[in-house]
N, C-alpha and C. Protein backbone atom coordinates (compact mmCIF):
# COMPACT_ATOMS: atom_id res chain seq x y z
N MET A 1 -3.00 -36.64 4.75
CA MET A 1 -4.11 -35.75 5.04
C MET A 1 -3.94 -34.40 4.34
N SER A 2 -3.09 -34.31 3.34
CA SER A 2 -2.97 -33.06 2.59
C SER A 2 -4.19 -32.93 1.69
N SER A 3 -5.09 -31.99 1.99
CA SER A 3 -6.33 -31.89 1.25
C SER A 3 -6.97 -30.54 1.49
N LEU A 4 -8.00 -30.27 0.68
CA LEU A 4 -8.83 -29.11 0.91
C LEU A 4 -9.88 -29.43 1.96
N ALA A 5 -10.18 -28.47 2.80
CA ALA A 5 -11.17 -28.70 3.85
C ALA A 5 -12.02 -27.45 4.01
N HIS A 6 -13.18 -27.62 4.60
CA HIS A 6 -14.04 -26.52 4.99
C HIS A 6 -13.90 -26.36 6.49
N PRO A 7 -14.01 -25.11 7.01
CA PRO A 7 -13.87 -24.94 8.46
C PRO A 7 -14.77 -25.84 9.29
N ASP A 8 -15.89 -26.29 8.73
CA ASP A 8 -16.79 -27.15 9.49
C ASP A 8 -16.49 -28.64 9.31
N ASP A 9 -15.50 -28.97 8.48
CA ASP A 9 -15.23 -30.38 8.21
C ASP A 9 -14.68 -31.10 9.43
N ASN A 10 -15.06 -32.37 9.54
CA ASN A 10 -14.57 -33.17 10.67
C ASN A 10 -13.06 -33.33 10.65
N CYS A 11 -12.47 -33.39 9.45
CA CYS A 11 -11.03 -33.64 9.37
C CYS A 11 -10.24 -32.53 10.04
N LEU A 12 -10.72 -31.30 9.97
CA LEU A 12 -10.03 -30.20 10.64
C LEU A 12 -10.24 -30.28 12.15
N ALA A 13 -11.47 -30.49 12.57
CA ALA A 13 -11.76 -30.59 14.00
C ALA A 13 -11.01 -31.75 14.64
N GLU A 14 -10.87 -32.84 13.89
CA GLU A 14 -10.17 -34.01 14.42
C GLU A 14 -8.65 -33.81 14.43
N ALA A 15 -8.14 -33.03 13.47
CA ALA A 15 -6.69 -32.85 13.37
C ALA A 15 -6.16 -31.91 14.43
N LEU A 16 -6.88 -30.87 14.76
CA LEU A 16 -6.37 -29.84 15.67
C LEU A 16 -5.89 -30.41 17.01
N PRO A 17 -6.65 -31.28 17.68
CA PRO A 17 -6.18 -31.77 18.99
C PRO A 17 -4.98 -32.70 18.91
N ARG A 18 -4.66 -33.19 17.72
CA ARG A 18 -3.57 -34.16 17.60
C ARG A 18 -2.19 -33.51 17.54
N TYR A 19 -2.17 -32.19 17.42
CA TYR A 19 -0.89 -31.50 17.26
C TYR A 19 -0.70 -30.48 18.39
N ASP A 20 0.52 -30.41 18.89
CA ASP A 20 0.84 -29.44 19.93
C ASP A 20 0.99 -28.04 19.36
N GLN A 21 1.36 -27.95 18.08
CA GLN A 21 1.55 -26.65 17.46
C GLN A 21 0.76 -26.56 16.16
N VAL A 22 0.22 -25.35 15.90
CA VAL A 22 -0.52 -25.09 14.68
C VAL A 22 0.11 -23.88 13.99
N LEU A 23 0.47 -24.05 12.72
CA LEU A 23 1.03 -22.97 11.91
C LEU A 23 0.03 -22.64 10.82
N VAL A 24 -0.26 -21.35 10.64
CA VAL A 24 -1.26 -20.92 9.66
C VAL A 24 -0.61 -19.97 8.66
N ASP A 25 -0.73 -20.31 7.38
CA ASP A 25 -0.25 -19.47 6.29
C ASP A 25 -1.46 -18.78 5.68
N VAL A 26 -1.60 -17.50 5.96
CA VAL A 26 -2.78 -16.74 5.53
C VAL A 26 -2.49 -16.07 4.18
N GLY A 27 -3.40 -16.26 3.23
CA GLY A 27 -3.15 -15.79 1.88
C GLY A 27 -2.14 -16.68 1.19
N CYS A 28 -2.37 -17.99 1.26
CA CYS A 28 -1.35 -18.97 0.88
C CYS A 28 -1.13 -19.08 -0.62
N GLY A 29 -2.02 -18.53 -1.45
CA GLY A 29 -1.79 -18.54 -2.89
C GLY A 29 -1.69 -19.94 -3.47
N ASP A 30 -0.55 -20.24 -4.10
CA ASP A 30 -0.37 -21.56 -4.73
C ASP A 30 0.01 -22.63 -3.72
N GLY A 31 0.22 -22.27 -2.46
CA GLY A 31 0.48 -23.25 -1.41
C GLY A 31 1.91 -23.75 -1.34
N LYS A 32 2.78 -23.23 -2.20
CA LYS A 32 4.17 -23.72 -2.20
C LYS A 32 4.86 -23.42 -0.87
N TYR A 33 4.68 -22.20 -0.39
CA TYR A 33 5.30 -21.84 0.90
C TYR A 33 4.68 -22.66 2.02
N THR A 34 3.38 -22.88 1.97
CA THR A 34 2.69 -23.67 2.99
C THR A 34 3.24 -25.09 3.04
N LEU A 35 3.44 -25.67 1.87
CA LEU A 35 4.00 -27.02 1.78
C LEU A 35 5.38 -27.07 2.41
N ARG A 36 6.19 -26.08 2.13
CA ARG A 36 7.53 -26.06 2.73
C ARG A 36 7.45 -25.97 4.26
N LEU A 37 6.51 -25.20 4.76
CA LEU A 37 6.33 -25.15 6.21
C LEU A 37 6.00 -26.54 6.77
N ALA A 38 5.11 -27.24 6.07
CA ALA A 38 4.71 -28.57 6.54
C ALA A 38 5.89 -29.54 6.53
N ILE A 39 6.74 -29.43 5.52
CA ILE A 39 7.91 -30.31 5.44
C ILE A 39 8.92 -29.96 6.53
N ARG A 40 9.10 -28.66 6.78
CA ARG A 40 10.06 -28.23 7.80
C ARG A 40 9.59 -28.54 9.21
N HIS A 41 8.27 -28.61 9.40
CA HIS A 41 7.71 -28.79 10.75
C HIS A 41 6.76 -29.99 10.75
N PRO A 42 7.29 -31.20 10.61
CA PRO A 42 6.43 -32.38 10.50
C PRO A 42 5.62 -32.68 11.75
N ALA A 43 6.03 -32.14 12.90
CA ALA A 43 5.29 -32.39 14.13
C ALA A 43 4.18 -31.36 14.36
N SER A 44 4.05 -30.39 13.46
CA SER A 44 3.05 -29.33 13.59
C SER A 44 1.97 -29.49 12.52
N LEU A 45 0.75 -29.06 12.84
CA LEU A 45 -0.30 -28.99 11.84
C LEU A 45 -0.15 -27.67 11.10
N VAL A 46 -0.04 -27.74 9.78
CA VAL A 46 0.13 -26.54 8.95
C VAL A 46 -1.13 -26.35 8.11
N ILE A 47 -1.69 -25.15 8.19
CA ILE A 47 -2.96 -24.86 7.52
C ILE A 47 -2.77 -23.65 6.62
N GLY A 48 -3.06 -23.83 5.33
CA GLY A 48 -3.05 -22.72 4.39
C GLY A 48 -4.46 -22.18 4.22
N VAL A 49 -4.59 -20.87 4.27
CA VAL A 49 -5.91 -20.22 4.16
C VAL A 49 -5.86 -19.20 3.02
N ASP A 50 -6.84 -19.27 2.13
CA ASP A 50 -6.91 -18.28 1.05
C ASP A 50 -8.34 -18.22 0.54
N ALA A 51 -8.70 -17.05 0.03
CA ALA A 51 -10.05 -16.89 -0.53
C ALA A 51 -10.17 -17.55 -1.89
N GLU A 52 -9.03 -17.84 -2.53
CA GLU A 52 -9.02 -18.43 -3.86
C GLU A 52 -8.16 -19.70 -3.84
N ILE A 53 -8.70 -20.80 -4.34
CA ILE A 53 -7.98 -22.08 -4.26
C ILE A 53 -7.61 -22.63 -5.63
N ALA A 54 -7.81 -21.85 -6.67
CA ALA A 54 -7.61 -22.36 -8.03
C ALA A 54 -6.16 -22.76 -8.30
N ARG A 55 -5.22 -22.19 -7.58
CA ARG A 55 -3.80 -22.44 -7.87
C ARG A 55 -3.18 -23.53 -6.98
N LEU A 56 -4.00 -24.24 -6.21
CA LEU A 56 -3.46 -25.22 -5.27
C LEU A 56 -3.25 -26.61 -5.87
N GLY A 57 -3.68 -26.85 -7.09
CA GLY A 57 -3.67 -28.19 -7.65
C GLY A 57 -2.30 -28.85 -7.61
N ARG A 58 -1.28 -28.17 -8.08
CA ARG A 58 0.05 -28.78 -8.14
C ARG A 58 0.57 -29.09 -6.74
N THR A 59 0.37 -28.16 -5.81
CA THR A 59 0.85 -28.39 -4.44
C THR A 59 0.17 -29.59 -3.81
N LEU A 60 -1.13 -29.73 -4.03
CA LEU A 60 -1.84 -30.87 -3.48
C LEU A 60 -1.34 -32.18 -4.07
N ARG A 61 -1.02 -32.17 -5.35
CA ARG A 61 -0.49 -33.39 -5.97
C ARG A 61 0.88 -33.75 -5.40
N VAL A 62 1.73 -32.75 -5.25
CA VAL A 62 3.07 -32.99 -4.69
C VAL A 62 2.96 -33.50 -3.26
N ALA A 63 2.09 -32.86 -2.47
CA ALA A 63 1.93 -33.27 -1.07
C ALA A 63 1.39 -34.70 -0.99
N GLY A 64 0.49 -35.04 -1.90
CA GLY A 64 -0.04 -36.40 -1.91
C GLY A 64 1.02 -37.43 -2.25
N LYS A 65 1.83 -37.15 -3.26
CA LYS A 65 2.89 -38.08 -3.66
C LYS A 65 3.91 -38.27 -2.54
N ARG A 66 4.17 -37.18 -1.80
CA ARG A 66 5.17 -37.25 -0.73
C ARG A 66 4.56 -37.70 0.60
N LYS A 67 3.24 -37.97 0.57
CA LYS A 67 2.53 -38.45 1.76
C LYS A 67 2.69 -37.49 2.95
N ILE A 68 2.53 -36.19 2.66
CA ILE A 68 2.57 -35.18 3.70
C ILE A 68 1.27 -35.27 4.49
N SER A 69 1.35 -35.57 5.76
CA SER A 69 0.14 -35.86 6.54
C SER A 69 -0.27 -34.72 7.48
N ASN A 70 0.50 -33.64 7.52
CA ASN A 70 0.23 -32.57 8.48
C ASN A 70 -0.18 -31.27 7.81
N LEU A 71 -0.80 -31.37 6.64
CA LEU A 71 -1.10 -30.19 5.82
C LEU A 71 -2.57 -30.16 5.43
N LEU A 72 -3.21 -29.02 5.63
CA LEU A 72 -4.58 -28.79 5.21
C LEU A 72 -4.70 -27.41 4.58
N PHE A 73 -5.64 -27.25 3.66
CA PHE A 73 -5.93 -25.94 3.08
C PHE A 73 -7.41 -25.61 3.29
N LEU A 74 -7.66 -24.35 3.62
CA LEU A 74 -9.03 -23.87 3.80
C LEU A 74 -9.30 -22.74 2.81
N ARG A 75 -10.46 -22.80 2.18
CA ARG A 75 -10.90 -21.66 1.36
C ARG A 75 -11.69 -20.71 2.27
N TRP A 76 -11.09 -19.54 2.51
CA TRP A 76 -11.73 -18.61 3.45
C TRP A 76 -11.17 -17.21 3.24
N ALA A 77 -12.03 -16.20 3.28
CA ALA A 77 -11.62 -14.80 3.22
C ALA A 77 -11.74 -14.19 4.60
N LEU A 78 -10.72 -13.49 5.04
CA LEU A 78 -10.70 -12.98 6.41
C LEU A 78 -11.53 -11.72 6.61
N GLU A 79 -12.35 -11.37 5.62
CA GLU A 79 -13.39 -10.38 5.91
C GLU A 79 -14.38 -10.97 6.91
N ASN A 80 -14.35 -12.29 7.03
CA ASN A 80 -15.21 -13.00 7.98
C ASN A 80 -14.34 -13.69 9.03
N PRO A 81 -14.80 -13.74 10.28
CA PRO A 81 -14.02 -14.42 11.32
C PRO A 81 -13.93 -15.91 11.04
N LEU A 82 -12.89 -16.54 11.61
CA LEU A 82 -12.65 -17.98 11.42
C LEU A 82 -12.57 -18.62 12.81
N PRO A 83 -13.73 -18.81 13.45
CA PRO A 83 -13.74 -19.25 14.85
C PRO A 83 -13.04 -20.57 15.09
N VAL A 84 -13.07 -21.50 14.12
CA VAL A 84 -12.48 -22.81 14.34
C VAL A 84 -10.98 -22.70 14.62
N LEU A 85 -10.34 -21.63 14.13
CA LEU A 85 -8.91 -21.43 14.38
C LEU A 85 -8.65 -20.31 15.39
N GLY A 86 -9.71 -19.80 15.98
CA GLY A 86 -9.55 -18.71 16.94
C GLY A 86 -8.65 -19.10 18.10
N GLU A 87 -7.57 -18.33 18.29
CA GLU A 87 -6.59 -18.56 19.35
C GLU A 87 -6.00 -19.96 19.32
N ARG A 88 -5.84 -20.51 18.11
CA ARG A 88 -5.25 -21.85 17.97
C ARG A 88 -3.85 -21.80 17.37
N ALA A 89 -3.51 -20.71 16.68
CA ALA A 89 -2.25 -20.67 15.93
C ALA A 89 -1.08 -20.27 16.82
N ASP A 90 0.00 -21.05 16.71
CA ASP A 90 1.25 -20.70 17.37
C ASP A 90 2.09 -19.79 16.49
N GLU A 91 1.96 -19.96 15.20
CA GLU A 91 2.64 -19.10 14.23
C GLU A 91 1.65 -18.75 13.12
N MET A 92 1.72 -17.50 12.67
CA MET A 92 0.94 -17.07 11.52
C MET A 92 1.90 -16.42 10.52
N HIS A 93 1.76 -16.79 9.26
CA HIS A 93 2.62 -16.28 8.21
C HIS A 93 1.75 -15.59 7.16
N VAL A 94 2.11 -14.38 6.80
CA VAL A 94 1.40 -13.64 5.74
C VAL A 94 2.47 -13.17 4.77
N ILE A 95 2.63 -13.88 3.67
CA ILE A 95 3.72 -13.64 2.74
C ILE A 95 3.20 -12.99 1.47
N MET A 96 3.64 -11.78 1.21
CA MET A 96 3.26 -11.03 0.02
C MET A 96 1.73 -10.91 -0.12
N PRO A 97 1.06 -10.36 0.88
CA PRO A 97 -0.39 -10.23 0.79
C PRO A 97 -0.79 -9.22 -0.28
N TRP A 98 -2.04 -9.33 -0.70
CA TRP A 98 -2.59 -8.44 -1.73
C TRP A 98 -4.04 -8.16 -1.40
N GLY A 99 -4.59 -7.14 -2.00
CA GLY A 99 -6.01 -6.86 -1.86
C GLY A 99 -6.40 -6.56 -0.42
N SER A 100 -7.52 -7.14 0.00
CA SER A 100 -8.04 -6.85 1.34
C SER A 100 -7.12 -7.35 2.44
N LEU A 101 -6.37 -8.42 2.17
CA LEU A 101 -5.44 -8.92 3.18
C LEU A 101 -4.29 -7.94 3.38
N LEU A 102 -3.78 -7.35 2.31
CA LEU A 102 -2.75 -6.32 2.44
C LEU A 102 -3.30 -5.12 3.19
N ASP A 103 -4.51 -4.70 2.84
CA ASP A 103 -5.14 -3.60 3.58
C ASP A 103 -5.25 -3.95 5.07
N GLY A 104 -5.56 -5.21 5.34
CA GLY A 104 -5.71 -5.62 6.74
C GLY A 104 -4.43 -5.53 7.52
N VAL A 105 -3.35 -6.12 7.00
CA VAL A 105 -2.10 -6.14 7.77
C VAL A 105 -1.52 -4.74 7.91
N LEU A 106 -1.93 -3.80 7.04
CA LEU A 106 -1.47 -2.42 7.17
C LEU A 106 -2.47 -1.54 7.90
N GLY A 107 -3.50 -2.15 8.45
CA GLY A 107 -4.43 -1.41 9.30
C GLY A 107 -5.53 -0.67 8.58
N ALA A 108 -5.58 -0.75 7.24
CA ALA A 108 -6.59 -0.02 6.48
C ALA A 108 -7.91 -0.77 6.40
N ALA A 109 -7.92 -2.04 6.77
CA ALA A 109 -9.15 -2.85 6.82
C ALA A 109 -9.21 -3.45 8.22
N PRO A 110 -9.71 -2.69 9.19
CA PRO A 110 -9.65 -3.12 10.60
C PRO A 110 -10.30 -4.47 10.87
N ILE A 111 -11.37 -4.80 10.15
CA ILE A 111 -12.03 -6.09 10.39
C ILE A 111 -11.11 -7.24 9.98
N VAL A 112 -10.46 -7.09 8.83
CA VAL A 112 -9.54 -8.13 8.38
C VAL A 112 -8.39 -8.28 9.36
N LEU A 113 -7.85 -7.16 9.82
CA LEU A 113 -6.75 -7.22 10.78
C LEU A 113 -7.21 -7.89 12.08
N ALA A 114 -8.37 -7.52 12.56
CA ALA A 114 -8.88 -8.12 13.81
C ALA A 114 -9.08 -9.63 13.64
N ASN A 115 -9.62 -10.05 12.50
CA ASN A 115 -9.84 -11.48 12.28
C ASN A 115 -8.52 -12.23 12.16
N LEU A 116 -7.53 -11.60 11.55
CA LEU A 116 -6.21 -12.22 11.47
C LEU A 116 -5.59 -12.38 12.85
N LEU A 117 -5.55 -11.30 13.62
CA LEU A 117 -4.90 -11.35 14.92
C LEU A 117 -5.63 -12.28 15.89
N SER A 118 -6.92 -12.48 15.68
CA SER A 118 -7.68 -13.35 16.58
C SER A 118 -7.29 -14.82 16.45
N LEU A 119 -6.56 -15.18 15.39
CA LEU A 119 -6.15 -16.57 15.20
C LEU A 119 -5.04 -16.97 16.17
N GLY A 120 -4.27 -16.01 16.66
CA GLY A 120 -3.10 -16.33 17.46
C GLY A 120 -3.41 -16.57 18.93
N ARG A 121 -2.79 -17.61 19.47
CA ARG A 121 -2.90 -17.83 20.92
C ARG A 121 -1.86 -16.98 21.63
N ARG A 122 -1.80 -17.06 22.94
CA ARG A 122 -0.81 -16.28 23.69
C ARG A 122 0.59 -16.71 23.28
N ASN A 123 1.46 -15.72 23.13
CA ASN A 123 2.85 -15.91 22.69
C ASN A 123 2.97 -16.32 21.22
N ALA A 124 1.87 -16.26 20.48
CA ALA A 124 1.93 -16.58 19.05
C ALA A 124 2.84 -15.60 18.32
N GLN A 125 3.45 -16.09 17.25
CA GLN A 125 4.32 -15.26 16.42
C GLN A 125 3.63 -14.98 15.08
N LEU A 126 3.71 -13.73 14.64
CA LEU A 126 3.18 -13.34 13.33
C LEU A 126 4.33 -12.80 12.49
N ARG A 127 4.49 -13.36 11.29
CA ARG A 127 5.52 -12.90 10.35
C ARG A 127 4.82 -12.46 9.07
N THR A 128 4.87 -11.16 8.81
CA THR A 128 4.27 -10.59 7.62
C THR A 128 5.38 -10.04 6.73
N VAL A 129 5.37 -10.39 5.46
CA VAL A 129 6.36 -9.89 4.51
C VAL A 129 5.62 -9.13 3.42
N ILE A 130 5.98 -7.86 3.27
CA ILE A 130 5.32 -6.98 2.31
C ILE A 130 6.34 -6.50 1.28
N ASN A 131 5.94 -6.52 0.02
CA ASN A 131 6.78 -5.96 -1.04
C ASN A 131 6.48 -4.47 -1.18
N CYS A 132 7.45 -3.64 -0.81
CA CYS A 132 7.24 -2.19 -0.84
C CYS A 132 7.65 -1.56 -2.18
N ARG A 133 8.19 -2.35 -3.09
CA ARG A 133 8.68 -1.80 -4.35
C ARG A 133 7.60 -1.05 -5.14
N PRO A 134 6.34 -1.55 -5.21
CA PRO A 134 5.35 -0.83 -6.02
C PRO A 134 5.15 0.62 -5.61
N TRP A 135 5.31 0.93 -4.33
CA TRP A 135 5.12 2.32 -3.89
C TRP A 135 6.26 3.23 -4.33
N ASP A 136 7.36 2.65 -4.81
CA ASP A 136 8.48 3.46 -5.27
C ASP A 136 8.18 4.14 -6.60
N ALA A 137 7.15 3.67 -7.29
CA ALA A 137 6.77 4.26 -8.58
C ALA A 137 5.27 4.54 -8.56
N PRO A 138 4.87 5.60 -7.85
CA PRO A 138 3.43 5.87 -7.66
C PRO A 138 2.63 5.92 -8.95
N ALA A 139 3.24 6.43 -10.03
CA ALA A 139 2.49 6.55 -11.28
C ALA A 139 2.12 5.20 -11.86
N ALA A 140 2.85 4.15 -11.44
CA ALA A 140 2.61 2.82 -11.98
C ALA A 140 1.72 1.97 -11.08
N LEU A 141 1.32 2.51 -9.93
CA LEU A 141 0.50 1.74 -9.02
C LEU A 141 -0.82 1.37 -9.66
N ASP A 142 -1.25 0.14 -9.47
CA ASP A 142 -2.57 -0.22 -9.97
C ASP A 142 -3.62 0.40 -9.04
N LYS A 143 -4.83 0.52 -9.56
CA LYS A 143 -5.84 1.29 -8.84
C LYS A 143 -6.11 0.72 -7.46
N GLN A 144 -6.10 -0.61 -7.34
CA GLN A 144 -6.38 -1.22 -6.05
C GLN A 144 -5.27 -0.90 -5.05
N LEU A 145 -4.02 -1.03 -5.47
CA LEU A 145 -2.92 -0.75 -4.56
C LEU A 145 -2.83 0.73 -4.23
N ALA A 146 -3.24 1.59 -5.16
CA ALA A 146 -3.17 3.02 -4.93
C ALA A 146 -4.03 3.44 -3.74
N SER A 147 -5.04 2.64 -3.40
CA SER A 147 -5.90 2.97 -2.26
C SER A 147 -5.36 2.39 -0.95
N THR A 148 -4.28 1.61 -1.03
CA THR A 148 -3.68 1.00 0.15
C THR A 148 -2.58 1.91 0.67
N PRO A 149 -2.58 2.21 1.96
CA PRO A 149 -1.56 3.14 2.48
C PRO A 149 -0.16 2.56 2.39
N GLU A 150 0.79 3.39 1.99
CA GLU A 150 2.19 2.96 1.94
C GLU A 150 2.70 2.70 3.36
N PRO A 151 3.46 1.62 3.56
CA PRO A 151 3.99 1.33 4.89
C PRO A 151 5.13 2.27 5.28
N SER A 152 4.80 3.54 5.45
CA SER A 152 5.76 4.56 5.84
C SER A 152 6.04 4.46 7.34
N PRO A 153 7.09 5.12 7.84
CA PRO A 153 7.34 5.11 9.29
C PRO A 153 6.15 5.60 10.09
N GLU A 154 5.44 6.60 9.56
CA GLU A 154 4.28 7.12 10.29
C GLU A 154 3.17 6.09 10.36
N LEU A 155 2.90 5.40 9.23
CA LEU A 155 1.87 4.38 9.24
C LEU A 155 2.25 3.23 10.17
N LEU A 156 3.51 2.82 10.14
CA LEU A 156 3.94 1.71 10.98
C LEU A 156 3.83 2.06 12.46
N ALA A 157 4.05 3.33 12.80
CA ALA A 157 3.88 3.76 14.19
C ALA A 157 2.41 3.62 14.61
N ASN A 158 1.50 4.04 13.72
CA ASN A 158 0.08 3.89 14.01
C ASN A 158 -0.32 2.42 14.06
N LEU A 159 0.27 1.64 13.16
CA LEU A 159 -0.04 0.21 13.11
C LEU A 159 0.40 -0.49 14.39
N ARG A 160 1.53 -0.06 14.91
CA ARG A 160 2.02 -0.64 16.17
C ARG A 160 0.97 -0.46 17.28
N GLN A 161 0.31 0.69 17.28
CA GLN A 161 -0.72 0.92 18.30
C GLN A 161 -1.95 0.06 18.04
N GLN A 162 -2.34 -0.13 16.77
CA GLN A 162 -3.47 -0.99 16.46
C GLN A 162 -3.20 -2.43 16.91
N TYR A 163 -1.99 -2.91 16.69
CA TYR A 163 -1.63 -4.24 17.14
C TYR A 163 -1.69 -4.31 18.66
N ALA A 164 -1.16 -3.28 19.31
CA ALA A 164 -1.15 -3.25 20.78
C ALA A 164 -2.56 -3.28 21.33
N ASP A 165 -3.48 -2.59 20.67
CA ASP A 165 -4.88 -2.58 21.14
C ASP A 165 -5.51 -3.97 21.07
N SER A 166 -4.96 -4.85 20.22
CA SER A 166 -5.45 -6.23 20.10
C SER A 166 -4.61 -7.21 20.89
N GLY A 167 -3.68 -6.70 21.70
CA GLY A 167 -2.89 -7.57 22.55
C GLY A 167 -1.61 -8.08 21.91
N TRP A 168 -1.16 -7.40 20.87
CA TRP A 168 0.05 -7.82 20.16
C TRP A 168 1.14 -6.77 20.29
N VAL A 169 2.39 -7.23 20.27
CA VAL A 169 3.54 -6.33 20.29
C VAL A 169 4.25 -6.46 18.95
N MET A 170 4.35 -5.37 18.21
CA MET A 170 5.06 -5.39 16.94
C MET A 170 6.52 -5.05 17.18
N GLN A 171 7.39 -5.94 16.73
CA GLN A 171 8.82 -5.67 16.83
C GLN A 171 9.27 -4.74 15.69
N ALA A 172 10.53 -4.35 15.75
CA ALA A 172 11.07 -3.43 14.74
C ALA A 172 11.02 -4.08 13.36
N PRO A 173 10.45 -3.41 12.37
CA PRO A 173 10.46 -3.93 11.00
C PRO A 173 11.90 -4.01 10.49
N ARG A 174 12.14 -4.93 9.55
CA ARG A 174 13.48 -5.00 8.96
C ARG A 174 13.37 -5.45 7.51
N TRP A 175 14.35 -5.02 6.72
CA TRP A 175 14.39 -5.36 5.31
C TRP A 175 15.03 -6.72 5.14
N LEU A 176 14.50 -7.53 4.24
CA LEU A 176 15.05 -8.84 3.94
C LEU A 176 16.08 -8.74 2.82
N THR A 177 17.16 -9.48 2.94
CA THR A 177 18.10 -9.61 1.83
C THR A 177 17.49 -10.56 0.79
N ASP A 178 18.05 -10.55 -0.41
CA ASP A 178 17.58 -11.47 -1.45
C ASP A 178 17.72 -12.91 -0.99
N GLN A 179 18.82 -13.22 -0.31
CA GLN A 179 19.03 -14.58 0.18
C GLN A 179 17.95 -14.98 1.17
N GLN A 180 17.64 -14.10 2.12
CA GLN A 180 16.58 -14.39 3.09
C GLN A 180 15.24 -14.55 2.40
N ALA A 181 14.99 -13.75 1.39
CA ALA A 181 13.73 -13.83 0.65
C ALA A 181 13.60 -15.17 -0.05
N HIS A 182 14.66 -15.61 -0.73
CA HIS A 182 14.62 -16.89 -1.43
C HIS A 182 14.40 -18.04 -0.46
N GLN A 183 14.96 -17.94 0.73
CA GLN A 183 14.84 -19.02 1.71
C GLN A 183 13.40 -19.23 2.17
N LEU A 184 12.55 -18.23 1.99
CA LEU A 184 11.15 -18.38 2.39
C LEU A 184 10.45 -19.45 1.55
N GLY A 185 10.86 -19.61 0.31
CA GLY A 185 10.25 -20.65 -0.51
C GLY A 185 8.95 -20.26 -1.17
N SER A 186 8.66 -18.97 -1.22
CA SER A 186 7.44 -18.50 -1.88
C SER A 186 7.73 -18.31 -3.37
N SER A 187 6.90 -18.90 -4.22
CA SER A 187 7.12 -18.79 -5.66
C SER A 187 6.99 -17.34 -6.13
N TRP A 188 6.05 -16.60 -5.55
CA TRP A 188 5.86 -15.21 -5.97
C TRP A 188 7.04 -14.35 -5.53
N ILE A 189 7.56 -14.57 -4.31
CA ILE A 189 8.74 -13.83 -3.86
C ILE A 189 9.93 -14.14 -4.76
N SER A 190 10.14 -15.40 -5.08
CA SER A 190 11.26 -15.77 -5.94
C SER A 190 11.16 -15.06 -7.29
N ARG A 191 9.95 -14.93 -7.79
CA ARG A 191 9.75 -14.29 -9.09
C ARG A 191 10.10 -12.81 -9.03
N VAL A 192 9.60 -12.10 -8.02
CA VAL A 192 9.86 -10.66 -7.97
C VAL A 192 11.30 -10.35 -7.60
N VAL A 193 11.93 -11.23 -6.80
CA VAL A 193 13.34 -11.01 -6.46
C VAL A 193 14.21 -11.20 -7.70
N SER A 194 13.92 -12.23 -8.50
CA SER A 194 14.73 -12.50 -9.68
C SER A 194 14.61 -11.41 -10.72
N THR A 195 13.49 -10.68 -10.74
CA THR A 195 13.30 -9.60 -11.71
C THR A 195 13.63 -8.24 -11.11
N ARG A 196 14.22 -8.24 -9.91
CA ARG A 196 14.58 -7.01 -9.21
C ARG A 196 13.36 -6.11 -8.98
N ALA A 197 12.22 -6.74 -8.75
CA ALA A 197 10.98 -5.98 -8.52
C ALA A 197 10.57 -6.04 -7.05
N SER A 198 11.53 -6.32 -6.17
CA SER A 198 11.17 -6.49 -4.76
C SER A 198 11.94 -5.54 -3.85
N ARG A 199 11.29 -5.15 -2.79
CA ARG A 199 11.90 -4.48 -1.64
C ARG A 199 11.08 -4.95 -0.46
N LEU A 200 11.53 -6.03 0.16
CA LEU A 200 10.70 -6.80 1.06
C LEU A 200 10.91 -6.40 2.51
N LEU A 201 9.80 -6.04 3.15
CA LEU A 201 9.81 -5.59 4.53
C LEU A 201 9.16 -6.66 5.41
N LEU A 202 9.89 -7.10 6.43
CA LEU A 202 9.36 -8.05 7.40
C LEU A 202 8.78 -7.29 8.59
N LEU A 203 7.52 -7.60 8.90
CA LEU A 203 6.86 -7.02 10.07
C LEU A 203 6.59 -8.13 11.08
N PRO A 204 7.47 -8.34 12.04
CA PRO A 204 7.25 -9.39 13.03
C PRO A 204 6.45 -8.87 14.23
N ALA A 205 5.63 -9.74 14.79
CA ALA A 205 4.83 -9.36 15.95
C ALA A 205 4.60 -10.59 16.82
N THR A 206 4.36 -10.34 18.10
CA THR A 206 4.12 -11.41 19.07
C THR A 206 2.90 -11.06 19.90
N ARG A 207 2.05 -12.05 20.11
CA ARG A 207 0.91 -11.82 21.00
C ARG A 207 1.38 -11.90 22.44
N ARG A 208 0.91 -10.97 23.25
CA ARG A 208 1.33 -10.95 24.64
C ARG A 208 0.83 -12.16 25.40
N ALA A 209 1.60 -12.58 26.37
CA ALA A 209 1.22 -13.74 27.19
C ALA A 209 0.06 -13.41 28.08
C-alpha cells in the first residue's frame, strides 16, 4: 500500500482504522526519512505529507519492491487544515522544514502551526529538527529565510507559550550530535552534516492528555 493518496481517497480512510498508531512526517521531501519510519514501525501507519511530490519517485519504487504495506504519501500544504488526520497522529515528525512550514513551527505563520498541532491526539509526540546554521551568517541568508525569525532563546520562550495555548507542552530544546543527526535517515540532513553546514536543534513537544 505504499502509494500517493489524496485526503479524500478511500485507501486512506480505510487504512486509518486498521492501525493502532499513526505516524506523520510533515514536509517529507523525498520521503527517505518517511520510508525509514515505516520500516522501523511496521505495526504503525506512516504518512508522509508535503506540498511537493516531485521527489518521491525513488522512494515509492523502493517501497514497492520491498512490499512496504504501512506507508502512504499525501500532497498537501498546511496553510490549509487536514481534517482527515485531525487528532489522529500519535507521532509527528518535522525534519529540516523550509518555507511556510519553517515559519509555522517557529510561530511566524500561526495558521500553519495551528494546522500542524491539530494533527496530534492526546499524548502525541512532536519532534521538530531545525538547522540553525544559516542564521550564523546573516549576510548569506536567502531572502525567504531572512524573513523567518531566528530560533533564539527569546523566540523559543514565546513559542513555548504558543504551543501551550494549543494544548501542547514544549520540552527543553537540545542540540543533536552528528551521529544522532545521521541516525534520523534524512537525505538532506546527511548532506548538510557531511559538508559541515549543520547546527541542528531538536524541539520536542507533547500534547497534553
